[in-house]
Amino acid sequence: MALDQRTQLRADLTAQRERAVQRLAVSVAALENIRLDLLRLKAGVGTVDQLTADLDAARDLQAEIDLAIESRREVEAALRPATRKG
């Protein structure tokens, strides 16, 4: 593997890792919001509307993550060299 290819691969992997870290942080924040909403409800100071909004946001986030994962799989499949049968 040439030096340029390794450099590009390293850059790609670094970018993917950074995106994964960002998605993880957003996911953890969404879960924390839901946890806090549940605590507020239990204490009698929260509303069901707050919880519903945070649950909807978490569902939207999950859909975005699923779409990103599926998109990546499709791109990787399209970039794979075709294998010959025979």
N, C-alpha and C. Protein backbone atom coordinates (compact mmCIF):
# COMPACT_ATOMS: atom_id res chain seq x y z
N MET A 1 0.86 -1.17 0.00
CA MET A 1 0.00 0.00 0.00
C MET A 1 0.90 1.23 0.00
N ALA A 2 0.62 2.15 -0.89
CA ALA A 2 1.43 3.35 -1.03
C ALA A 2 1.20 4.29 0.14
N LEU A 3 2.16 5.17 0.33
CA LEU A 3 2.08 6.13 1.44
C LEU A 3 0.84 7.01 1.33
N ASP A 4 0.52 7.47 0.12
CA ASP A 4 -0.67 8.31 -0.08
C ASP A 4 -1.94 7.56 0.28
N GLN A 5 -2.00 6.29 -0.08
CA GLN A 5 -3.18 5.48 0.25
C GLN A 5 -3.31 5.31 1.76
N ARG A 6 -2.20 5.07 2.43
CA ARG A 6 -2.23 4.92 3.89
C ARG A 6 -2.64 6.22 4.56
N THR A 7 -2.13 7.32 4.05
CA THR A 7 -2.49 8.63 4.61
C THR A 7 -3.98 8.88 4.44
N GLN A 8 -4.50 8.58 3.24
CA GLN A 8 -5.92 8.77 2.98
C GLN A 8 -6.76 7.84 3.86
N LEU A 9 -6.34 6.59 3.99
CA LEU A 9 -7.05 5.63 4.83
C LEU A 9 -7.07 6.10 6.27
N ARG A 10 -5.94 6.58 6.77
CA ARG A 10 -5.86 7.07 8.14
C ARG A 10 -6.81 8.26 8.33
N ALA A 11 -6.85 9.17 7.37
CA ALA A 11 -7.73 10.33 7.44
C ALA A 11 -9.20 9.89 7.43
N ASP A 12 -9.52 8.93 6.57
CA ASP A 12 -10.90 8.42 6.51
C ASP A 12 -11.31 7.77 7.82
N LEU A 13 -10.42 6.95 8.37
CA LEU A 13 -10.73 6.28 9.64
C LEU A 13 -10.87 7.28 10.79
N THR A 14 -10.03 8.28 10.78
CA THR A 14 -10.11 9.32 11.81
C THR A 14 -11.44 10.06 11.71
N ALA A 15 -11.85 10.38 10.51
CA ALA A 15 -13.12 11.09 10.30
C ALA A 15 -14.30 10.21 10.73
N GLN A 16 -14.25 8.93 10.40
CA GLN A 16 -15.32 8.01 10.81
C GLN A 16 -15.38 7.90 12.33
N ARG A 17 -14.23 7.83 12.96
CA ARG A 17 -14.20 7.73 14.42
C ARG A 17 -14.78 8.98 15.04
N GLU A 18 -14.45 10.13 14.49
CA GLU A 18 -14.97 11.39 15.04
C GLU A 18 -16.49 11.46 14.88
N ARG A 19 -17.00 11.00 13.73
CA ARG A 19 -18.46 10.98 13.55
C ARG A 19 -19.12 10.03 14.53
N ALA A 20 -18.49 8.88 14.77
CA ALA A 20 -19.04 7.92 15.73
C ALA A 20 -19.05 8.50 17.14
N VAL A 21 -18.01 9.20 17.50
CA VAL A 21 -17.94 9.84 18.82
C VAL A 21 -19.05 10.88 18.96
N GLN A 22 -19.26 11.65 17.90
CA GLN A 22 -20.32 12.66 17.94
C GLN A 22 -21.70 12.01 18.07
N ARG A 23 -21.94 10.94 17.30
CA ARG A 23 -23.24 10.24 17.39
C ARG A 23 -23.44 9.66 18.79
N LEU A 24 -22.38 9.12 19.36
CA LEU A 24 -22.48 8.57 20.70
C LEU A 24 -22.82 9.66 21.71
N ALA A 25 -22.17 10.81 21.61
CA ALA A 25 -22.44 11.92 22.53
C ALA A 25 -23.88 12.40 22.42
N VAL A 26 -24.38 12.50 21.20
CA VAL A 26 -25.76 12.93 20.99
C VAL A 26 -26.73 11.89 21.54
N SER A 27 -26.42 10.62 21.34
CA SER A 27 -27.28 9.54 21.86
C SER A 27 -27.32 9.54 23.38
N VAL A 28 -26.17 9.70 23.99
CA VAL A 28 -26.11 9.73 25.45
C VAL A 28 -26.88 10.94 25.99
N ALA A 29 -26.76 12.08 25.33
CA ALA A 29 -27.49 13.27 25.75
C ALA A 29 -29.00 13.04 25.64
N ALA A 30 -29.44 12.38 24.57
CA ALA A 30 -30.87 12.10 24.40
C ALA A 30 -31.37 11.19 25.51
N LEU A 31 -30.59 10.17 25.84
CA LEU A 31 -30.97 9.26 26.93
C LEU A 31 -31.00 9.98 28.27
N GLU A 32 -30.06 10.87 28.48
CA GLU A 32 -30.01 11.64 29.72
C GLU A 32 -31.23 12.55 29.85
N ASN A 33 -31.64 13.15 28.73
CA ASN A 33 -32.85 13.99 28.76
C ASN A 33 -34.07 13.16 29.15
N ILE A 34 -34.17 11.96 28.60
CA ILE A 34 -35.31 11.09 28.94
C ILE A 34 -35.25 10.72 30.41
N ARG A 35 -34.07 10.39 30.90
CA ARG A 35 -33.92 10.02 32.32
C ARG A 35 -34.35 11.18 33.21
N LEU A 36 -33.91 12.39 32.87
CA LEU A 36 -34.28 13.56 33.68
C LEU A 36 -35.78 13.83 33.61
N ASP A 37 -36.37 13.65 32.45
CA ASP A 37 -37.82 13.83 32.32
C ASP A 37 -38.56 12.84 33.21
N LEU A 38 -38.09 11.60 33.24
CA LEU A 38 -38.73 10.60 34.09
C LEU A 38 -38.59 10.96 35.57
N LEU A 39 -37.42 11.45 35.95
CA LEU A 39 -37.24 11.89 37.34
C LEU A 39 -38.15 13.06 37.68
N ARG A 40 -38.28 14.00 36.75
CA ARG A 40 -39.18 15.14 36.97
C ARG A 40 -40.62 14.67 37.12
N LEU A 41 -41.03 13.74 36.27
CA LEU A 41 -42.39 13.21 36.38
C LEU A 41 -42.62 12.55 37.73
N LYS A 42 -41.65 11.77 38.14
CA LYS A 42 -41.76 11.08 39.43
C LYS A 42 -41.85 12.08 40.58
N ALA A 43 -41.12 13.19 40.46
CA ALA A 43 -41.13 14.22 41.51
C ALA A 43 -42.37 15.11 41.41
N GLY A 44 -43.12 14.97 40.32
CA GLY A 44 -44.33 15.76 40.17
C GLY A 44 -44.11 17.14 39.58
N VAL A 45 -42.93 17.40 39.02
CA VAL A 45 -42.66 18.73 38.46
C VAL A 45 -42.51 18.69 36.94
N GLY A 46 -42.47 17.52 36.37
CA GLY A 46 -42.33 17.40 34.92
C GLY A 46 -43.68 17.19 34.27
N THR A 47 -43.67 17.25 32.94
CA THR A 47 -44.90 17.01 32.20
C THR A 47 -44.71 15.86 31.23
N VAL A 48 -45.82 15.24 30.90
CA VAL A 48 -45.79 14.17 29.92
C VAL A 48 -45.38 14.72 28.57
N ASP A 49 -45.75 15.97 28.29
CA ASP A 49 -45.38 16.59 27.01
C ASP A 49 -43.86 16.69 26.86
N GLN A 50 -43.16 17.03 27.94
CA GLN A 50 -41.70 17.09 27.89
C GLN A 50 -41.11 15.72 27.55
N LEU A 51 -41.62 14.72 28.25
CA LEU A 51 -41.13 13.36 28.02
C LEU A 51 -41.43 12.92 26.59
N THR A 52 -42.63 13.20 26.12
CA THR A 52 -43.02 12.82 24.77
C THR A 52 -42.11 13.49 23.74
N ALA A 53 -41.82 14.77 23.93
CA ALA A 53 -40.94 15.49 23.01
C ALA A 53 -39.55 14.88 22.98
N ASP A 54 -39.03 14.53 24.16
CA ASP A 54 -37.69 13.93 24.20
C ASP A 54 -37.68 12.52 23.62
N LEU A 55 -38.75 11.77 23.83
CA LEU A 55 -38.84 10.44 23.22
C LEU A 55 -38.91 10.55 21.70
N ASP A 56 -39.68 11.52 21.20
CA ASP A 56 -39.75 11.73 19.76
C ASP A 56 -38.37 12.11 19.19
N ALA A 57 -37.66 12.97 19.90
CA ALA A 57 -36.32 13.37 19.45
C ALA A 57 -35.38 12.16 19.44
N ALA A 58 -35.49 11.30 20.44
CA ALA A 58 -34.65 10.11 20.49
C ALA A 58 -34.99 9.16 19.33
N ARG A 59 -36.27 9.03 19.01
CA ARG A 59 -36.66 8.20 17.86
C ARG A 59 -36.12 8.77 16.56
N ASP A 60 -36.20 10.09 16.42
CA ASP A 60 -35.66 10.73 15.22
C ASP A 60 -34.15 10.48 15.11
N LEU A 61 -33.46 10.59 16.22
CA LEU A 61 -32.02 10.34 16.25
C LEU A 61 -31.72 8.90 15.84
N GLN A 62 -32.48 7.97 16.37
CA GLN A 62 -32.28 6.56 16.02
C GLN A 62 -32.49 6.34 14.53
N ALA A 63 -33.51 6.98 13.97
CA ALA A 63 -33.77 6.84 12.53
C ALA A 63 -32.59 7.40 11.72
N GLU A 64 -32.03 8.53 12.14
CA GLU A 64 -30.88 9.10 11.45
C GLU A 64 -29.67 8.18 11.53
N ILE A 65 -29.45 7.60 12.70
CA ILE A 65 -28.31 6.68 12.87
C ILE A 65 -28.51 5.44 12.01
N ASP A 66 -29.72 4.89 12.00
CA ASP A 66 -30.01 3.72 11.17
C ASP A 66 -29.78 4.03 9.69
N LEU A 67 -30.22 5.20 9.26
CA LEU A 67 -30.04 5.60 7.86
C LEU A 67 -28.56 5.75 7.52
N ALA A 68 -27.79 6.33 8.43
CA ALA A 68 -26.36 6.49 8.19
C ALA A 68 -25.66 5.14 8.09
N ILE A 69 -26.05 4.21 8.96
CA ILE A 69 -25.45 2.87 8.93
C ILE A 69 -25.80 2.16 7.63
N GLU A 70 -27.07 2.21 7.24
CA GLU A 70 -27.49 1.55 6.00
C GLU A 70 -26.83 2.19 4.79
N SER A 71 -26.72 3.51 4.79
CA SER A 71 -26.06 4.21 3.68
C SER A 71 -24.62 3.77 3.55
N ARG A 72 -23.96 3.68 4.68
CA ARG A 72 -22.55 3.26 4.65
C ARG A 72 -22.42 1.84 4.10
N ARG A 73 -23.32 0.95 4.52
CA ARG A 73 -23.27 -0.42 4.00
C ARG A 73 -23.46 -0.44 2.49
N GLU A 74 -24.40 0.37 2.00
CA GLU A 74 -24.64 0.41 0.56
C GLU A 74 -23.44 0.95 -0.20
N VAL A 75 -22.80 1.99 0.34
CA VAL A 75 -21.62 2.55 -0.31
C VAL A 75 -20.49 1.53 -0.33
N GLU A 76 -20.27 0.87 0.80
CA GLU A 76 -19.21 -0.15 0.86
C GLU A 76 -19.49 -1.28 -0.11
N ALA A 77 -20.75 -1.69 -0.23
CA ALA A 77 -21.09 -2.77 -1.16
C ALA A 77 -20.87 -2.32 -2.59
N ALA A 78 -21.20 -1.07 -2.90
CA ALA A 78 -21.02 -0.56 -4.25
C ALA A 78 -19.54 -0.42 -4.62
N LEU A 79 -18.70 -0.15 -3.63
CA LEU A 79 -17.28 0.04 -3.89
C LEU A 79 -16.48 -1.26 -3.91
N ARG A 80 -17.08 -2.34 -3.40
CA ARG A 80 -16.38 -3.61 -3.42
C ARG A 80 -16.19 -4.09 -4.86
N PRO A 81 -15.02 -4.65 -5.13
CA PRO A 81 -14.81 -5.18 -6.49
C PRO A 81 -15.80 -6.30 -6.76
N ALA A 82 -16.28 -6.35 -7.98
CA ALA A 82 -17.22 -7.42 -8.36
C ALA A 82 -16.47 -8.75 -8.38
N THR A 83 -17.11 -9.77 -7.86
CA THR A 83 -16.51 -11.10 -7.91
C THR A 83 -17.12 -11.86 -9.07
N ARG A 84 -16.27 -12.58 -9.74
CA ARG A 84 -16.73 -13.34 -10.90
C ARG A 84 -17.20 -14.72 -10.46
N LYS A 85 -18.30 -15.11 -11.05
CA LYS A 85 -18.81 -16.47 -10.81
C LYS A 85 -18.37 -17.34 -11.98
N GLY A 86 -18.02 -18.53 -11.65
CA GLY A 86 -17.68 -19.38 -12.78
C GLY A 86 -16.57 -20.22 -12.49
